[in-house]
Amino acid sequence: MTATPVSNLQSEHLPDPTGHPDESSTAVIAGKSPTRLAYERFRKDKLSMISFFVVVLYVLAAITAPFLVKLGVLDPTGFNQDLLNEFTLPKGRFGGISWSHPLGVEPGTGRDVLSRVWLGTTLSLTLSLLASALAMGIGTVLGIVAGFTGGWVDGLIGRAIDLTLSFPSTLMLLALSAPMYAFLTQSLHVPSGDFGWATYVVVFLALFGWPSIARLIRGQVLSVRERDFVDAARLFGASRRRMYFKEILPNLWAPLLVSFTLTLPLYISAEAALSYLGVSIKPPTPTLGNVLKYSLDFAQFDFVFFFAPAFAIALIVVCFNLFGDGLRDALDPKSNR
């Protein structure tokens, strides 16, 4: 048997005397960042990935709709009376579906259903996005202040949360619609019409949506404030503002992101409910809510017209919720769906 030279043993099993690490061993022990691990966990969830792509398609559709209207590709307000019969119902089967009108036309008006649903997605998604951002902003700031400061400040914010949650939101919506709309348009000089009602919807949803977010953030802050880097920042004399927004807030991005993805579809459904109650953007400007409300009168005669906005609302809400659930599981693998 041939003996192995000592030099070979040293080169294979002993560290490099020059102090440089071996490239192959470095590749084996290379770690993965928490973001990379979360991405790999999320990618393994096929249902969440499909929901994510559907959400991306909705967002792209919402972005492109105003440009397509300006280019004349979409016509959400044009009347096509020649496509209606003597009973003002669409000619042909399935609501007048054709190459020119893939989802048919509206009974009574002859407006293109696809154009109205497409542009309505833009407005509904925009309102929900603004309301979610405003609610997240208010809830995050108050949650950080309550959780980090404690004492009477925490108690005061907690009572404000309890008081807000105790109000019946639907009743308050109906009671405040006229006076708040008048206050926005007359005292704050918000333009009346669609912009005024859009502002009212955003403000109303945010005012009644921040308490749940503040409670979530407060609970997270109670854990974060006990960590060593927070104590170190205190020893170095960091100001309150720095503690809130430089030390605490960057460690809350995961629950904030998950909360946002779950709040947005809730507000999309809420906008549809507000339109049904008549306190949102009014026709002829389309939103998914008021298109669905108008279609209810013709659901028996034109099921496609009713199905199009209803399916659009249901699909986007389900996909956003599934995307949010998958994101939560990826960022917090210890949680159970």
C-alpha atoms as a PDB file:
ATOM      1  CA  MET A   1       0.000   0.000   0.000  1.00  0.00           C
ATOM      2  CA  THR A   2       1.341   3.415  -0.935  1.00  0.00           C
ATOM      3  CA  ALA A   3       1.575   5.878   1.919  1.00  0.00           C
ATOM      4  CA  THR A   4      -0.032   9.267   1.488  1.00  0.00           C
ATOM      5  CA  PRO A   5       2.513  12.085   1.703  1.00  0.00           C
ATOM      6  CA  VAL A   6       2.243  14.304   4.737  1.00  0.00           C
ATOM      7  CA  SER A   7       2.183  17.344   2.489  1.00  0.00           C
ATOM      8  CA  ASN A   8      -0.997  16.111   0.836  1.00  0.00           C
ATOM      9  CA  LEU A   9      -2.657  15.528   4.205  1.00  0.00           C
ATOM     10  CA  GLN A  10      -1.790  19.038   5.256  1.00  0.00           C
ATOM     11  CA  SER A  11      -3.119  20.538   2.044  1.00  0.00           C
ATOM     12  CA  GLU A  12      -6.404  18.633   2.326  1.00  0.00           C
ATOM     13  CA  HIS A  13      -7.228  18.868   6.034  1.00  0.00           C
ATOM     14  CA  LEU A  14      -5.274  21.764   7.480  1.00  0.00           C
ATOM     15  CA  PRO A  15      -6.192  25.421   7.031  1.00  0.00           C
ATOM     16  CA  ASP A  16      -4.351  27.484   4.470  1.00  0.00           C
ATOM     17  CA  PRO A  17      -1.230  28.908   6.169  1.00  0.00           C
ATOM     18  CA  THR A  18      -1.671  32.156   4.226  1.00  0.00           C
ATOM     19  CA  GLY A  19      -4.893  32.817   6.132  1.00  0.00           C
ATOM     20  CA  HIS A  20      -7.147  32.834   3.068  1.00  0.00           C
ATOM     21  CA  PRO A  21     -10.315  30.670   3.425  1.00  0.00           C
ATOM     22  CA  ASP A  22     -10.916  27.880   0.968  1.00  0.00           C
ATOM     23  CA  GLU A  23     -13.535  28.901  -1.650  1.00  0.00           C
ATOM     24  CA  SER A  24     -15.319  25.542  -1.611  1.00  0.00           C
ATOM     25  CA  SER A  25     -15.755  25.557   2.159  1.00  0.00           C
ATOM     26  CA  THR A  26     -16.962  29.164   2.044  1.00  0.00           C
ATOM     27  CA  ALA A  27     -19.703  28.232  -0.437  1.00  0.00           C
ATOM     28  CA  VAL A  28     -20.865  25.368   1.792  1.00  0.00           C
ATOM     29  CA  ILE A  29     -21.214  27.407   4.971  1.00  0.00           C
ATOM     30  CA  ALA A  30     -22.612  30.536   3.320  1.00  0.00           C
ATOM     31  CA  GLY A  31     -25.745  31.630   5.193  1.00  0.00           C
ATOM     32  CA  LYS A  32     -28.989  33.097   3.888  1.00  0.00           C
ATOM     33  CA  SER A  33     -30.519  36.366   4.962  1.00  0.00           C
ATOM     34  CA  PRO A  34     -33.948  36.405   6.630  1.00  0.00           C
ATOM     35  CA  THR A  35     -35.360  38.078   3.525  1.00  0.00           C
ATOM     36  CA  ARG A  36     -33.989  35.291   1.334  1.00  0.00           C
ATOM     37  CA  LEU A  37     -35.426  32.619   3.618  1.00  0.00           C
ATOM     38  CA  ALA A  38     -38.834  34.354   3.630  1.00  0.00           C
ATOM     39  CA  TYR A  39     -38.792  34.568  -0.170  1.00  0.00           C
ATOM     40  CA  GLU A  40     -38.024  30.854  -0.505  1.00  0.00           C
ATOM     41  CA  ARG A  41     -40.812  29.937   1.922  1.00  0.00           C
ATOM     42  CA  PHE A  42     -43.256  32.161   0.041  1.00  0.00           C
ATOM     43  CA  ARG A  43     -42.238  30.733  -3.328  1.00  0.00           C
ATOM     44  CA  LYS A  44     -43.031  27.213  -2.136  1.00  0.00           C
ATOM     45  CA  ASP A  45     -46.634  28.227  -1.447  1.00  0.00           C
ATOM     46  CA  LYS A  46     -48.180  27.773  -4.898  1.00  0.00           C
ATOM     47  CA  LEU A  47     -51.557  29.256  -3.968  1.00  0.00           C
ATOM     48  CA  SER A  48     -49.943  32.415  -2.610  1.00  0.00           C
ATOM     49  CA  MET A  49     -47.773  32.733  -5.720  1.00  0.00           C
ATOM     50  CA  ILE A  50     -50.821  32.467  -7.990  1.00  0.00           C
ATOM     51  CA  SER A  51     -52.607  35.068  -5.868  1.00  0.00           C
ATOM     52  CA  PHE A  52     -49.579  37.334  -6.076  1.00  0.00           C
ATOM     53  CA  PHE A  53     -49.582  37.232  -9.881  1.00  0.00           C
ATOM     54  CA  VAL A  54     -53.332  37.958  -9.965  1.00  0.00           C
ATOM     55  CA  VAL A  55     -52.768  40.941  -7.668  1.00  0.00           C
ATOM     56  CA  VAL A  56     -50.003  42.197  -9.977  1.00  0.00           C
ATOM     57  CA  LEU A  57     -52.357  41.902 -12.960  1.00  0.00           C
ATOM     58  CA  TYR A  58     -55.023  43.892 -11.113  1.00  0.00           C
ATOM     59  CA  VAL A  59     -52.528  46.616 -10.248  1.00  0.00           C
ATOM     60  CA  LEU A  60     -51.286  46.800 -13.838  1.00  0.00           C
ATOM     61  CA  ALA A  61     -54.871  46.987 -15.080  1.00  0.00           C
ATOM     62  CA  ALA A  62     -55.608  49.783 -12.619  1.00  0.00           C
ATOM     63  CA  ILE A  63     -52.547  51.745 -13.750  1.00  0.00           C
ATOM     64  CA  THR A  64     -53.228  51.386 -17.468  1.00  0.00           C
ATOM     65  CA  ALA A  65     -56.975  52.106 -17.424  1.00  0.00           C
ATOM     66  CA  PRO A  66     -56.767  55.965 -17.408  1.00  0.00           C
ATOM     67  CA  PHE A  67     -54.279  55.925 -20.288  1.00  0.00           C
ATOM     68  CA  LEU A  68     -56.452  53.546 -22.298  1.00  0.00           C
ATOM     69  CA  VAL A  69     -59.429  55.849 -21.747  1.00  0.00           C
ATOM     70  CA  LYS A  70     -57.440  58.828 -23.051  1.00  0.00           C
ATOM     71  CA  LEU A  71     -56.316  56.815 -26.068  1.00  0.00           C
ATOM     72  CA  GLY A  72     -59.918  55.853 -26.810  1.00  0.00           C
ATOM     73  CA  VAL A  73     -59.371  52.137 -26.286  1.00  0.00           C
ATOM     74  CA  LEU A  74     -61.807  52.160 -23.363  1.00  0.00           C
ATOM     75  CA  ASP A  75     -65.038  54.147 -23.430  1.00  0.00           C
ATOM     76  CA  PRO A  76     -66.764  53.930 -20.028  1.00  0.00           C
ATOM     77  CA  THR A  77     -69.228  56.798 -20.612  1.00  0.00           C
ATOM     78  CA  GLY A  78     -70.239  56.420 -24.258  1.00  0.00           C
ATOM     79  CA  PHE A  79     -73.857  55.444 -24.928  1.00  0.00           C
ATOM     80  CA  ASN A  80     -74.616  52.774 -27.506  1.00  0.00           C
ATOM     81  CA  GLN A  81     -78.388  52.970 -27.835  1.00  0.00           C
ATOM     82  CA  ASP A  82     -78.302  51.074 -31.109  1.00  0.00           C
ATOM     83  CA  LEU A  83     -77.202  47.972 -29.206  1.00  0.00           C
ATOM     84  CA  LEU A  84     -80.377  47.979 -27.076  1.00  0.00           C
ATOM     85  CA  ASN A  85     -83.780  46.614 -27.997  1.00  0.00           C
ATOM     86  CA  GLU A  86     -87.180  48.235 -27.423  1.00  0.00           C
ATOM     87  CA  PHE A  87     -87.051  47.148 -23.759  1.00  0.00           C
ATOM     88  CA  THR A  88     -83.647  48.882 -23.325  1.00  0.00           C
ATOM     89  CA  LEU A  89     -81.997  45.470 -22.866  1.00  0.00           C
ATOM     90  CA  PRO A  90     -78.867  44.466 -24.799  1.00  0.00           C
ATOM     91  CA  LYS A  91     -79.450  42.823 -28.134  1.00  0.00           C
ATOM     92  CA  GLY A  92     -78.071  39.329 -28.546  1.00  0.00           C
ATOM     93  CA  ARG A  93     -77.206  36.680 -26.013  1.00  0.00           C
ATOM     94  CA  PHE A  94     -75.281  37.088 -22.764  1.00  0.00           C
ATOM     95  CA  GLY A  95     -75.786  40.820 -22.469  1.00  0.00           C
ATOM     96  CA  GLY A  96     -74.732  41.695 -25.997  1.00  0.00           C
ATOM     97  CA  ILE A  97     -71.258  40.158 -25.880  1.00  0.00           C
ATOM     98  CA  SER A  98     -69.291  40.793 -29.073  1.00  0.00           C
ATOM     99  CA  TRP A  99     -65.725  41.464 -30.220  1.00  0.00           C
ATOM    100  CA  SER A 100     -66.313  45.175 -29.699  1.00  0.00           C
ATOM    101  CA  HIS A 101     -67.850  44.629 -26.250  1.00  0.00           C
ATOM    102  CA  PRO A 102     -66.303  41.480 -24.683  1.00  0.00           C
ATOM    103  CA  LEU A 103     -68.487  41.757 -21.567  1.00  0.00           C
ATOM    104  CA  GLY A 104     -71.534  43.193 -23.288  1.00  0.00           C
ATOM    105  CA  VAL A 105     -73.209  46.536 -22.667  1.00  0.00           C
ATOM    106  CA  GLU A 106     -75.230  47.966 -19.813  1.00  0.00           C
ATOM    107  CA  PRO A 107     -79.021  47.681 -19.962  1.00  0.00           C
ATOM    108  CA  GLY A 108     -80.696  51.050 -20.177  1.00  0.00           C
ATOM    109  CA  THR A 109     -77.577  52.986 -21.202  1.00  0.00           C
ATOM    110  CA  GLY A 110     -75.621  50.812 -23.634  1.00  0.00           C
ATOM    111  CA  ARG A 111     -72.288  51.682 -22.007  1.00  0.00           C
ATOM    112  CA  ASP A 112     -69.467  49.173 -22.406  1.00  0.00           C
ATOM    113  CA  VAL A 113     -69.308  46.911 -19.339  1.00  0.00           C
ATOM    114  CA  LEU A 114     -65.624  46.024 -19.726  1.00  0.00           C
ATOM    115  CA  SER A 115     -64.606  49.685 -19.853  1.00  0.00           C
ATOM    116  CA  ARG A 116     -66.606  50.529 -16.748  1.00  0.00           C
ATOM    117  CA  VAL A 117     -65.341  47.554 -14.749  1.00  0.00           C
ATOM    118  CA  TRP A 118     -61.767  48.204 -15.864  1.00  0.00           C
ATOM    119  CA  LEU A 119     -61.815  51.894 -14.937  1.00  0.00           C
ATOM    120  CA  GLY A 120     -63.856  51.104 -11.826  1.00  0.00           C
ATOM    121  CA  THR A 121     -61.007  48.852 -10.686  1.00  0.00           C
ATOM    122  CA  THR A 122     -58.661  51.846 -10.878  1.00  0.00           C
ATOM    123  CA  LEU A 123     -60.871  54.082  -8.753  1.00  0.00           C
ATOM    124  CA  SER A 124     -61.785  51.407  -6.197  1.00  0.00           C
ATOM    125  CA  LEU A 125     -58.172  50.324  -5.811  1.00  0.00           C
ATOM    126  CA  THR A 126     -57.018  53.941  -5.497  1.00  0.00           C
ATOM    127  CA  LEU A 127     -59.571  54.754  -2.803  1.00  0.00           C
ATOM    128  CA  SER A 128     -58.719  51.582  -0.893  1.00  0.00           C
ATOM    129  CA  LEU A 129     -54.991  52.236  -1.208  1.00  0.00           C
ATOM    130  CA  LEU A 130     -55.286  55.807   0.102  1.00  0.00           C
ATOM    131  CA  ALA A 131     -57.564  54.760   2.968  1.00  0.00           C
ATOM    132  CA  SER A 132     -55.246  51.882   3.909  1.00  0.00           C
ATOM    133  CA  ALA A 133     -52.183  54.132   3.826  1.00  0.00           C
ATOM    134  CA  LEU A 134     -53.882  56.761   5.998  1.00  0.00           C
ATOM    135  CA  ALA A 135     -55.176  54.183   8.493  1.00  0.00           C
ATOM    136  CA  MET A 136     -51.749  52.495   8.610  1.00  0.00           C
ATOM    137  CA  GLY A 137     -50.044  55.836   9.214  1.00  0.00           C
ATOM    138  CA  ILE A 138     -52.321  56.845  12.083  1.00  0.00           C
ATOM    139  CA  GLY A 139     -52.358  53.388  13.652  1.00  0.00           C
ATOM    140  CA  THR A 140     -48.585  52.927  13.369  1.00  0.00           C
ATOM    141  CA  VAL A 141     -47.693  56.255  14.979  1.00  0.00           C
ATOM    142  CA  LEU A 142     -50.178  55.878  17.839  1.00  0.00           C
ATOM    143  CA  GLY A 143     -49.247  52.219  18.345  1.00  0.00           C
ATOM    144  CA  ILE A 144     -45.538  53.047  18.610  1.00  0.00           C
ATOM    145  CA  VAL A 145     -46.166  55.921  21.004  1.00  0.00           C
ATOM    146  CA  ALA A 146     -48.490  53.836  23.190  1.00  0.00           C
ATOM    147  CA  GLY A 147     -46.264  50.757  23.291  1.00  0.00           C
ATOM    148  CA  PHE A 148     -42.968  52.528  23.836  1.00  0.00           C
ATOM    149  CA  THR A 149     -44.061  55.324  26.180  1.00  0.00           C
ATOM    150  CA  GLY A 150     -46.487  53.367  28.368  1.00  0.00           C
ATOM    151  CA  GLY A 151     -48.059  54.930  31.433  1.00  0.00           C
ATOM    152  CA  TRP A 152     -50.895  57.399  31.087  1.00  0.00           C
ATOM    153  CA  VAL A 153     -50.120  57.919  27.387  1.00  0.00           C
ATOM    154  CA  ASP A 154     -50.693  54.224  26.729  1.00  0.00           C
ATOM    155  CA  GLY A 155     -53.900  54.330  28.745  1.00  0.00           C
ATOM    156  CA  LEU A 156     -55.208  57.400  26.919  1.00  0.00           C
ATOM    157  CA  ILE A 157     -54.552  55.916  23.477  1.00  0.00           C
ATOM    158  CA  GLY A 158     -56.062  52.613  24.614  1.00  0.00           C
ATOM    159  CA  ARG A 159     -59.273  54.334  25.677  1.00  0.00           C
ATOM    160  CA  ALA A 160     -59.397  56.185  22.340  1.00  0.00           C
ATOM    161  CA  ILE A 161     -59.111  52.821  20.574  1.00  0.00           C
ATOM    162  CA  ASP A 162     -61.912  51.347  22.683  1.00  0.00           C
ATOM    163  CA  LEU A 163     -64.121  54.386  22.099  1.00  0.00           C
ATOM    164  CA  THR A 164     -63.622  54.284  18.325  1.00  0.00           C
ATOM    165  CA  LEU A 165     -64.341  50.562  18.151  1.00  0.00           C
ATOM    166  CA  SER A 166     -67.511  50.992  20.203  1.00  0.00           C
ATOM    167  CA  PHE A 167     -69.199  53.120  17.531  1.00  0.00           C
ATOM    168  CA  PRO A 168     -71.340  51.248  14.981  1.00  0.00           C
ATOM    169  CA  SER A 169     -69.472  52.142  11.815  1.00  0.00           C
ATOM    170  CA  THR A 170     -72.391  51.656   9.412  1.00  0.00           C
ATOM    171  CA  LEU A 171     -74.693  53.861  11.486  1.00  0.00           C
ATOM    172  CA  MET A 172     -71.998  56.510  11.816  1.00  0.00           C
ATOM    173  CA  LEU A 173     -71.431  56.326   8.069  1.00  0.00           C
ATOM    174  CA  LEU A 174     -75.043  57.174   7.308  1.00  0.00           C
ATOM    175  CA  ALA A 175     -75.283  59.779  10.061  1.00  0.00           C
ATOM    176  CA  LEU A 176     -72.080  61.613   9.139  1.00  0.00           C
ATOM    177  CA  SER A 177     -72.295  61.442   5.344  1.00  0.00           C
ATOM    178  CA  ALA A 178     -74.132  64.734   4.816  1.00  0.00           C
ATOM    179  CA  PRO A 179     -72.461  66.862   7.545  1.00  0.00           C
ATOM    180  CA  MET A 180     -68.951  65.542   6.840  1.00  0.00           C
ATOM    181  CA  TYR A 181     -69.359  66.011   3.103  1.00  0.00           C
ATOM    182  CA  ALA A 182     -70.544  69.577   3.731  1.00  0.00           C
ATOM    183  CA  PHE A 183     -67.626  70.192   6.104  1.00  0.00           C
ATOM    184  CA  LEU A 184     -65.101  68.903   3.582  1.00  0.00           C
ATOM    185  CA  THR A 185     -66.485  70.877   0.639  1.00  0.00           C
ATOM    186  CA  GLN A 186     -67.404  74.122   2.433  1.00  0.00           C
ATOM    187  CA  SER A 187     -65.019  74.494   5.364  1.00  0.00           C
ATOM    188  CA  LEU A 188     -61.959  72.724   3.950  1.00  0.00           C
ATOM    189  CA  HIS A 189     -62.745  73.775   0.344  1.00  0.00           C
ATOM    190  CA  VAL A 190     -62.450  70.250  -1.045  1.00  0.00           C
ATOM    191  CA  PRO A 191     -63.888  70.226  -4.590  1.00  0.00           C
ATOM    192  CA  SER A 192     -67.438  68.936  -4.592  1.00  0.00           C
ATOM    193  CA  GLY A 193     -68.667  66.033  -6.675  1.00  0.00           C
ATOM    194  CA  ASP A 194     -66.588  62.907  -7.193  1.00  0.00           C
ATOM    195  CA  PHE A 195     -63.490  64.306  -5.474  1.00  0.00           C
ATOM    196  CA  GLY A 196     -65.473  65.322  -2.408  1.00  0.00           C
ATOM    197  CA  TRP A 197     -67.128  61.902  -2.069  1.00  0.00           C
ATOM    198  CA  ALA A 198     -63.788  60.170  -2.650  1.00  0.00           C
ATOM    199  CA  THR A 199     -62.245  62.238   0.143  1.00  0.00           C
ATOM    200  CA  TYR A 200     -65.130  61.367   2.441  1.00  0.00           C
ATOM    201  CA  VAL A 201     -64.725  57.631   1.761  1.00  0.00           C
ATOM    202  CA  VAL A 202     -60.975  57.747   2.422  1.00  0.00           C
ATOM    203  CA  VAL A 203     -61.347  59.767   5.645  1.00  0.00           C
ATOM    204  CA  PHE A 204     -64.218  57.641   6.939  1.00  0.00           C
ATOM    205  CA  LEU A 205     -62.462  54.308   6.322  1.00  0.00           C
ATOM    206  CA  ALA A 206     -59.249  55.589   7.909  1.00  0.00           C
ATOM    207  CA  LEU A 207     -60.995  57.012  10.993  1.00  0.00           C
ATOM    208  CA  PHE A 208     -62.639  53.692  11.763  1.00  0.00           C
ATOM    209  CA  GLY A 209     -59.756  51.513  10.551  1.00  0.00           C
ATOM    210  CA  TRP A 210     -56.753  52.711  12.555  1.00  0.00           C
ATOM    211  CA  PRO A 211     -57.633  51.185  15.993  1.00  0.00           C
ATOM    212  CA  SER A 212     -56.996  47.556  14.989  1.00  0.00           C
ATOM    213  CA  ILE A 213     -53.675  48.513  13.431  1.00  0.00           C
ATOM    214  CA  ALA A 214     -52.664  50.507  16.515  1.00  0.00           C
ATOM    215  CA  ARG A 215     -53.379  47.506  18.749  1.00  0.00           C
ATOM    216  CA  LEU A 216     -51.280  45.240  16.532  1.00  0.00           C
ATOM    217  CA  ILE A 217     -48.329  47.658  16.461  1.00  0.00           C
ATOM    218  CA  ARG A 218     -48.536  48.311  20.205  1.00  0.00           C
ATOM    219  CA  GLY A 219     -48.188  44.593  20.892  1.00  0.00           C
ATOM    220  CA  GLN A 220     -45.146  44.370  18.611  1.00  0.00           C
ATOM    221  CA  VAL A 221     -43.525  47.427  20.204  1.00  0.00           C
ATOM    222  CA  LEU A 222     -43.890  45.961  23.708  1.00  0.00           C
ATOM    223  CA  SER A 223     -41.577  43.159  22.544  1.00  0.00           C
ATOM    224  CA  VAL A 224     -39.151  45.271  20.504  1.00  0.00           C
ATOM    225  CA  ARG A 225     -38.552  47.860  23.225  1.00  0.00           C
ATOM    226  CA  GLU A 226     -36.954  45.223  25.483  1.00  0.00           C
ATOM    227  CA  ARG A 227     -34.155  44.415  23.026  1.00  0.00           C
ATOM    228  CA  ASP A 228     -30.528  45.352  23.592  1.00  0.00           C
ATOM    229  CA  PHE A 229     -30.228  47.841  20.735  1.00  0.00           C
ATOM    230  CA  VAL A 230     -33.051  49.907  22.272  1.00  0.00           C
ATOM    231  CA  ASP A 231     -31.242  49.999  25.617  1.00  0.00           C
ATOM    232  CA  ALA A 232     -28.056  50.999  23.816  1.00  0.00           C
ATOM    233  CA  ALA A 233     -29.853  53.845  22.043  1.00  0.00           C
ATOM    234  CA  ARG A 234     -31.188  55.059  25.399  1.00  0.00           C
ATOM    235  CA  LEU A 235     -27.680  55.048  26.892  1.00  0.00           C
ATOM    236  CA  PHE A 236     -26.400  57.140  24.006  1.00  0.00           C
ATOM    237  CA  GLY A 237     -29.132  59.693  24.685  1.00  0.00           C
ATOM    238  CA  ALA A 238     -31.297  59.152  21.596  1.00  0.00           C
ATOM    239  CA  SER A 239     -34.295  61.452  21.359  1.00  0.00           C
ATOM    240  CA  ARG A 240     -37.883  60.235  21.441  1.00  0.00           C
ATOM    241  CA  ARG A 241     -38.289  60.895  17.759  1.00  0.00           C
ATOM    242  CA  ARG A 242     -35.208  58.836  16.921  1.00  0.00           C
ATOM    243  CA  MET A 243     -36.359  56.021  19.183  1.00  0.00           C
ATOM    244  CA  TYR A 244     -39.749  55.929  17.495  1.00  0.00           C
ATOM    245  CA  PHE A 245     -38.763  56.207  13.845  1.00  0.00           C
ATOM    246  CA  LYS A 246     -35.117  55.096  13.685  1.00  0.00           C
ATOM    247  CA  GLU A 247     -34.929  52.307  16.240  1.00  0.00           C
ATOM    248  CA  ILE A 248     -38.481  50.910  16.613  1.00  0.00           C
ATOM    249  CA  LEU A 249     -40.176  51.484  13.244  1.00  0.00           C
ATOM    250  CA  PRO A 250     -37.600  49.633  11.033  1.00  0.00           C
ATOM    251  CA  ASN A 251     -38.228  46.489  13.093  1.00  0.00           C
ATOM    252  CA  LEU A 252     -41.963  46.576  12.389  1.00  0.00           C
ATOM    253  CA  TRP A 253     -41.894  46.313   8.599  1.00  0.00           C
ATOM    254  CA  ALA A 254     -42.972  42.654   8.542  1.00  0.00           C
ATOM    255  CA  PRO A 255     -46.241  43.035  10.525  1.00  0.00           C
ATOM    256  CA  LEU A 256     -46.931  46.333   8.760  1.00  0.00           C
ATOM    257  CA  LEU A 257     -46.572  44.736   5.339  1.00  0.00           C
ATOM    258  CA  VAL A 258     -48.819  41.822   6.252  1.00  0.00           C
ATOM    259  CA  SER A 259     -51.393  44.124   7.842  1.00  0.00           C
ATOM    260  CA  PHE A 260     -51.439  46.308   4.728  1.00  0.00           C
ATOM    261  CA  THR A 261     -52.064  43.366   2.395  1.00  0.00           C
ATOM    262  CA  LEU A 262     -54.969  42.259   4.585  1.00  0.00           C
ATOM    263  CA  THR A 263     -56.437  45.745   5.101  1.00  0.00           C
ATOM    264  CA  LEU A 264     -56.534  46.692   1.420  1.00  0.00           C
ATOM    265  CA  PRO A 265     -59.040  44.005   0.317  1.00  0.00           C
ATOM    266  CA  LEU A 266     -61.190  44.819   3.339  1.00  0.00           C
ATOM    267  CA  TYR A 267     -61.473  48.403   2.128  1.00  0.00           C
ATOM    268  CA  ILE A 268     -62.245  47.289  -1.418  1.00  0.00           C
ATOM    269  CA  SER A 269     -65.263  45.438  -0.048  1.00  0.00           C
ATOM    270  CA  ALA A 270     -66.109  48.427   2.136  1.00  0.00           C
ATOM    271  CA  GLU A 271     -66.102  50.756  -0.887  1.00  0.00           C
ATOM    272  CA  ALA A 272     -68.579  48.458  -2.608  1.00  0.00           C
ATOM    273  CA  ALA A 273     -70.806  48.582   0.478  1.00  0.00           C
ATOM    274  CA  LEU A 274     -70.565  52.379   0.637  1.00  0.00           C
ATOM    275  CA  SER A 275     -71.566  52.623  -3.011  1.00  0.00           C
ATOM    276  CA  TYR A 276     -74.564  50.378  -2.330  1.00  0.00           C
ATOM    277  CA  LEU A 277     -75.621  52.748   0.446  1.00  0.00           C
ATOM    278  CA  GLY A 278     -75.192  55.730  -1.876  1.00  0.00           C
ATOM    279  CA  VAL A 279     -72.402  57.512   0.009  1.00  0.00           C
ATOM    280  CA  SER A 280     -69.508  56.979  -2.378  1.00  0.00           C
ATOM    281  CA  ILE A 281     -68.603  58.215  -5.855  1.00  0.00           C
ATOM    282  CA  LYS A 282     -71.737  58.621  -7.914  1.00  0.00           C
ATOM    283  CA  PRO A 283     -72.349  57.438 -11.491  1.00  0.00           C
ATOM    284  CA  PRO A 284     -71.522  58.032 -14.299  1.00  0.00           C
ATOM    285  CA  THR A 285     -68.001  57.862 -12.812  1.00  0.00           C
ATOM    286  CA  PRO A 286     -67.507  54.111 -12.403  1.00  0.00           C
ATOM    287  CA  THR A 287     -66.287  52.242  -9.363  1.00  0.00           C
ATOM    288  CA  LEU A 288     -66.670  48.534  -8.791  1.00  0.00           C
ATOM    289  CA  GLY A 289     -69.220  49.329  -6.108  1.00  0.00           C
ATOM    290  CA  ASN A 290     -71.576  51.570  -8.065  1.00  0.00           C
ATOM    291  CA  VAL A 291     -71.336  49.376 -11.188  1.00  0.00           C
ATOM    292  CA  LEU A 292     -72.362  46.399  -9.052  1.00  0.00           C
ATOM    293  CA  LYS A 293     -75.169  48.399  -7.457  1.00  0.00           C
ATOM    294  CA  TYR A 294     -76.558  49.375 -10.862  1.00  0.00           C
ATOM    295  CA  SER A 295     -76.320  45.794 -12.110  1.00  0.00           C
ATOM    296  CA  LEU A 296     -78.523  44.488  -9.286  1.00  0.00           C
ATOM    297  CA  ASP A 297     -81.607  45.941 -10.974  1.00  0.00           C
ATOM    298  CA  PHE A 298     -80.926  43.825 -14.068  1.00  0.00           C
ATOM    299  CA  ALA A 299     -79.515  40.645 -12.504  1.00  0.00           C
ATOM    300  CA  GLN A 300     -82.598  38.669 -13.540  1.00  0.00           C
ATOM    301  CA  PHE A 301     -82.455  39.781 -17.183  1.00  0.00           C
ATOM    302  CA  ASP A 302     -78.692  40.203 -17.742  1.00  0.00           C
ATOM    303  CA  PHE A 303     -76.660  37.897 -15.528  1.00  0.00           C
ATOM    304  CA  VAL A 304     -73.353  38.711 -17.270  1.00  0.00           C
ATOM    305  CA  PHE A 305     -73.672  42.381 -16.346  1.00  0.00           C
ATOM    306  CA  PHE A 306     -74.171  41.425 -12.703  1.00  0.00           C
ATOM    307  CA  PHE A 307     -71.484  38.746 -12.736  1.00  0.00           C
ATOM    308  CA  ALA A 308     -68.669  40.939 -14.164  1.00  0.00           C
ATOM    309  CA  PRO A 309     -68.282  43.486 -11.295  1.00  0.00           C
ATOM    310  CA  ALA A 310     -69.192  40.899  -8.647  1.00  0.00           C
ATOM    311  CA  PHE A 311     -66.513  38.509  -9.895  1.00  0.00           C
ATOM    312  CA  ALA A 312     -63.957  41.335 -10.132  1.00  0.00           C
ATOM    313  CA  ILE A 313     -64.565  42.317  -6.496  1.00  0.00           C
ATOM    314  CA  ALA A 314     -64.584  38.723  -5.237  1.00  0.00           C
ATOM    315  CA  LEU A 315     -61.412  37.739  -7.098  1.00  0.00           C
ATOM    316  CA  ILE A 316     -59.340  40.702  -5.994  1.00  0.00           C
ATOM    317  CA  VAL A 317     -60.462  40.359  -2.360  1.00  0.00           C
ATOM    318  CA  VAL A 318     -59.735  36.613  -2.251  1.00  0.00           C
ATOM    319  CA  CYS A 319     -56.344  36.966  -3.962  1.00  0.00           C
ATOM    320  CA  PHE A 320     -55.240  39.820  -1.701  1.00  0.00           C
ATOM    321  CA  ASN A 321     -56.228  37.807   1.370  1.00  0.00           C
ATOM    322  CA  LEU A 322     -54.411  34.686   0.159  1.00  0.00           C
ATOM    323  CA  PHE A 323     -51.375  36.786  -0.725  1.00  0.00           C
ATOM    324  CA  GLY A 324     -51.428  38.343   2.744  1.00  0.00           C
ATOM    325  CA  ASP A 325     -51.761  34.941   4.428  1.00  0.00           C
ATOM    326  CA  GLY A 326     -48.842  33.556   2.429  1.00  0.00           C
ATOM    327  CA  LEU A 327     -46.742  36.598   3.217  1.00  0.00           C
ATOM    328  CA  ARG A 328     -47.498  36.243   6.919  1.00  0.00           C
ATOM    329  CA  ASP A 329     -46.518  32.569   6.906  1.00  0.00           C
ATOM    330  CA  ALA A 330     -43.299  33.355   5.037  1.00  0.00           C
ATOM    331  CA  LEU A 331     -42.253  36.149   7.379  1.00  0.00           C
ATOM    332  CA  ASP A 332     -43.283  34.292  10.523  1.00  0.00           C
ATOM    333  CA  PRO A 333     -42.784  30.534   9.987  1.00  0.00           C
ATOM    334  CA  LYS A 334     -43.854  29.808  13.587  1.00  0.00           C
ATOM    335  CA  SER A 335     -47.391  31.001  12.919  1.00  0.00           C
ATOM    336  CA  ASN A 336     -50.069  28.549  11.814  1.00  0.00           C
ATOM    337  CA  ARG A 337     -52.474  29.505   9.035  1.00  0.00           C
END
